[in-house]
Amino acid sequence: MANTKSAVKRNRQSLKRRARNINIRTTVKDAVKGFRQALGSKDPAKTAEALKSATRTVSRAASKGVVHKRAAARRVSRLAKAANRAAAAAAK
C-alpha cells in the first residue's frame, strides 16, 4: 500500500489511466471486429466504411500511447491488405 501522499496520488492516477486504456483497447477491438464482419458481408461500401473507421480508431489509440505506433501501423496495414484482397476477389 502507498505510504506517502505522492504515492497515493500516483496510485489514483494509474487507476484512472488503466481504466482509460482498457476502454480505448476495447474500442479498438470492437472496430476491428466490425471491420471483419463487414468484410464477411461482401459489401464493398460497407467494408470501405468499416476500414476507415477501424483505421481511425487504431491510429487514435496509437497517438494516445495505448498501442505502440508500430503495432498500430502493422494492424492498419493488415486491415487494408485484407480489404484489398476482398475487393480483388469481388472484381473477378
C-alpha atoms as a PDB file:
ATOM      1  CA  MET A   1       0.000   0.000   0.000  1.00  0.00           C
ATOM      2  CA  ALA A   2       1.154   3.541  -0.718  1.00  0.00           C
ATOM      3  CA  ASN A   3       2.693   5.258   2.305  1.00  0.00           C
ATOM      4  CA  THR A   4       3.341   8.794   1.116  1.00  0.00           C
ATOM      5  CA  LYS A   5       0.980  11.420  -0.171  1.00  0.00           C
ATOM      6  CA  SER A   6       2.654  11.404  -3.600  1.00  0.00           C
ATOM      7  CA  ALA A   7       2.461   7.614  -3.831  1.00  0.00           C
ATOM      8  CA  VAL A   8      -1.256   7.704  -3.036  1.00  0.00           C
ATOM      9  CA  LYS A   9      -1.765  10.270  -5.781  1.00  0.00           C
ATOM     10  CA  ARG A  10       0.307   8.238  -8.289  1.00  0.00           C
ATOM     11  CA  ASN A  11      -1.811   5.195  -7.460  1.00  0.00           C
ATOM     12  CA  ARG A  12      -5.005   7.175  -8.116  1.00  0.00           C
ATOM     13  CA  GLN A  13      -3.604   8.441 -11.419  1.00  0.00           C
ATOM     14  CA  SER A  14      -2.538   4.972 -12.542  1.00  0.00           C
ATOM     15  CA  LEU A  15      -6.006   3.575 -11.816  1.00  0.00           C
ATOM     16  CA  LYS A  16      -7.583   6.330 -13.940  1.00  0.00           C
ATOM     17  CA  ARG A  17      -5.110   5.738 -16.767  1.00  0.00           C
ATOM     18  CA  ARG A  18      -5.649   1.993 -16.615  1.00  0.00           C
ATOM     19  CA  ALA A  19      -9.420   2.412 -16.903  1.00  0.00           C
ATOM     20  CA  ARG A  20      -8.979   4.797 -19.849  1.00  0.00           C
ATOM     21  CA  ASN A  21      -6.512   2.482 -21.601  1.00  0.00           C
ATOM     22  CA  ILE A  22      -8.792  -0.537 -21.172  1.00  0.00           C
ATOM     23  CA  ASN A  23     -11.659   1.463 -22.660  1.00  0.00           C
ATOM     24  CA  ILE A  24      -9.572   2.533 -25.667  1.00  0.00           C
ATOM     25  CA  ARG A  25      -8.267  -1.023 -26.226  1.00  0.00           C
ATOM     26  CA  THR A  26     -11.829  -2.355 -26.155  1.00  0.00           C
ATOM     27  CA  THR A  27     -12.878   0.278 -28.693  1.00  0.00           C
ATOM     28  CA  VAL A  28     -10.024  -0.807 -30.975  1.00  0.00           C
ATOM     29  CA  LYS A  29     -11.040  -4.459 -30.692  1.00  0.00           C
ATOM     30  CA  ASP A  30     -14.670  -3.586 -31.450  1.00  0.00           C
ATOM     31  CA  ALA A  31     -13.665  -1.537 -34.505  1.00  0.00           C
ATOM     32  CA  VAL A  32     -11.523  -4.375 -35.874  1.00  0.00           C
ATOM     33  CA  LYS A  33     -14.303  -6.870 -35.171  1.00  0.00           C
ATOM     34  CA  GLY A  34     -16.756  -4.607 -37.018  1.00  0.00           C
ATOM     35  CA  PHE A  35     -14.392  -4.485 -39.975  1.00  0.00           C
ATOM     36  CA  ARG A  36     -14.097  -8.283 -40.042  1.00  0.00           C
ATOM     37  CA  GLN A  37     -17.898  -8.587 -40.037  1.00  0.00           C
ATOM     38  CA  ALA A  38     -18.196  -6.045 -42.845  1.00  0.00           C
ATOM     39  CA  LEU A  39     -15.547  -7.983 -44.748  1.00  0.00           C
ATOM     40  CA  GLY A  40     -17.623 -11.137 -44.372  1.00  0.00           C
ATOM     41  CA  SER A  41     -20.753  -9.394 -45.665  1.00  0.00           C
ATOM     42  CA  LYS A  42     -19.106  -8.961 -49.110  1.00  0.00           C
ATOM     43  CA  ASP A  43     -20.471  -5.398 -49.401  1.00  0.00           C
ATOM     44  CA  PRO A  44     -17.636  -3.160 -50.740  1.00  0.00           C
ATOM     45  CA  ALA A  45     -19.142   0.109 -49.481  1.00  0.00           C
ATOM     46  CA  LYS A  46     -19.712  -1.281 -46.001  1.00  0.00           C
ATOM     47  CA  THR A  47     -16.188  -2.741 -45.943  1.00  0.00           C
ATOM     48  CA  ALA A  48     -14.614   0.568 -47.008  1.00  0.00           C
ATOM     49  CA  GLU A  49     -16.511   2.478 -44.325  1.00  0.00           C
ATOM     50  CA  ALA A  50     -15.569  -0.081 -41.656  1.00  0.00           C
ATOM     51  CA  LEU A  51     -11.912   0.064 -42.759  1.00  0.00           C
ATOM     52  CA  LYS A  52     -11.906   3.849 -42.466  1.00  0.00           C
ATOM     53  CA  SER A  53     -13.453   3.677 -39.002  1.00  0.00           C
ATOM     54  CA  ALA A  54     -11.100   0.936 -37.776  1.00  0.00           C
ATOM     55  CA  THR A  55      -8.039   2.734 -39.154  1.00  0.00           C
ATOM     56  CA  ARG A  56      -9.050   5.925 -37.426  1.00  0.00           C
ATOM     57  CA  THR A  57      -9.667   4.154 -34.124  1.00  0.00           C
ATOM     58  CA  VAL A  58      -6.347   2.280 -34.187  1.00  0.00           C
ATOM     59  CA  SER A  59      -4.412   5.421 -35.139  1.00  0.00           C
ATOM     60  CA  ARG A  60      -6.050   7.387 -32.353  1.00  0.00           C
ATOM     61  CA  ALA A  61      -5.106   4.689 -29.837  1.00  0.00           C
ATOM     62  CA  ALA A  62      -1.515   4.890 -31.072  1.00  0.00           C
ATOM     63  CA  SER A  63      -1.457   8.669 -30.734  1.00  0.00           C
ATOM     64  CA  LYS A  64      -2.635   8.331 -27.123  1.00  0.00           C
ATOM     65  CA  GLY A  65       0.143   5.824 -26.425  1.00  0.00           C
ATOM     66  CA  VAL A  66      -2.245   2.980 -25.612  1.00  0.00           C
ATOM     67  CA  VAL A  67      -0.971   0.920 -28.558  1.00  0.00           C
ATOM     68  CA  HIS A  68       2.595   1.171 -29.826  1.00  0.00           C
ATOM     69  CA  LYS A  69       2.819   3.176 -33.048  1.00  0.00           C
ATOM     70  CA  ARG A  70       4.434   0.337 -34.997  1.00  0.00           C
ATOM     71  CA  ALA A  71       1.890  -2.175 -33.724  1.00  0.00           C
ATOM     72  CA  ALA A  72      -0.864   0.206 -34.834  1.00  0.00           C
ATOM     73  CA  ALA A  73       0.753   0.637 -38.252  1.00  0.00           C
ATOM     74  CA  ARG A  74       1.016  -3.136 -38.611  1.00  0.00           C
ATOM     75  CA  ARG A  75      -2.654  -3.586 -37.720  1.00  0.00           C
ATOM     76  CA  VAL A  76      -3.800  -0.891 -40.135  1.00  0.00           C
ATOM     77  CA  SER A  77      -1.641  -2.417 -42.849  1.00  0.00           C
ATOM     78  CA  ARG A  78      -3.142  -5.860 -42.328  1.00  0.00           C
ATOM     79  CA  LEU A  79      -6.678  -4.491 -42.347  1.00  0.00           C
ATOM     80  CA  ALA A  80      -6.045  -2.596 -45.587  1.00  0.00           C
ATOM     81  CA  LYS A  81      -4.440  -5.674 -47.114  1.00  0.00           C
ATOM     82  CA  ALA A  82      -7.494  -7.773 -46.222  1.00  0.00           C
ATOM     83  CA  ALA A  83      -9.809  -5.125 -47.710  1.00  0.00           C
ATOM     84  CA  ASN A  84      -7.774  -5.030 -50.922  1.00  0.00           C
ATOM     85  CA  ARG A  85      -7.808  -8.827 -51.194  1.00  0.00           C
ATOM     86  CA  ALA A  86     -11.584  -8.832 -50.752  1.00  0.00           C
ATOM     87  CA  ALA A  87     -12.017  -6.105 -53.377  1.00  0.00           C
ATOM     88  CA  ALA A  88      -9.811  -8.019 -55.821  1.00  0.00           C
ATOM     89  CA  ALA A  89     -11.783 -11.213 -55.231  1.00  0.00           C
ATOM     90  CA  ALA A  90     -15.066  -9.357 -55.780  1.00  0.00           C
ATOM     91  CA  ALA A  91     -13.757  -7.883 -59.038  1.00  0.00           C
ATOM     92  CA  LYS A  92     -13.052 -11.335 -60.503  1.00  0.00           C
END
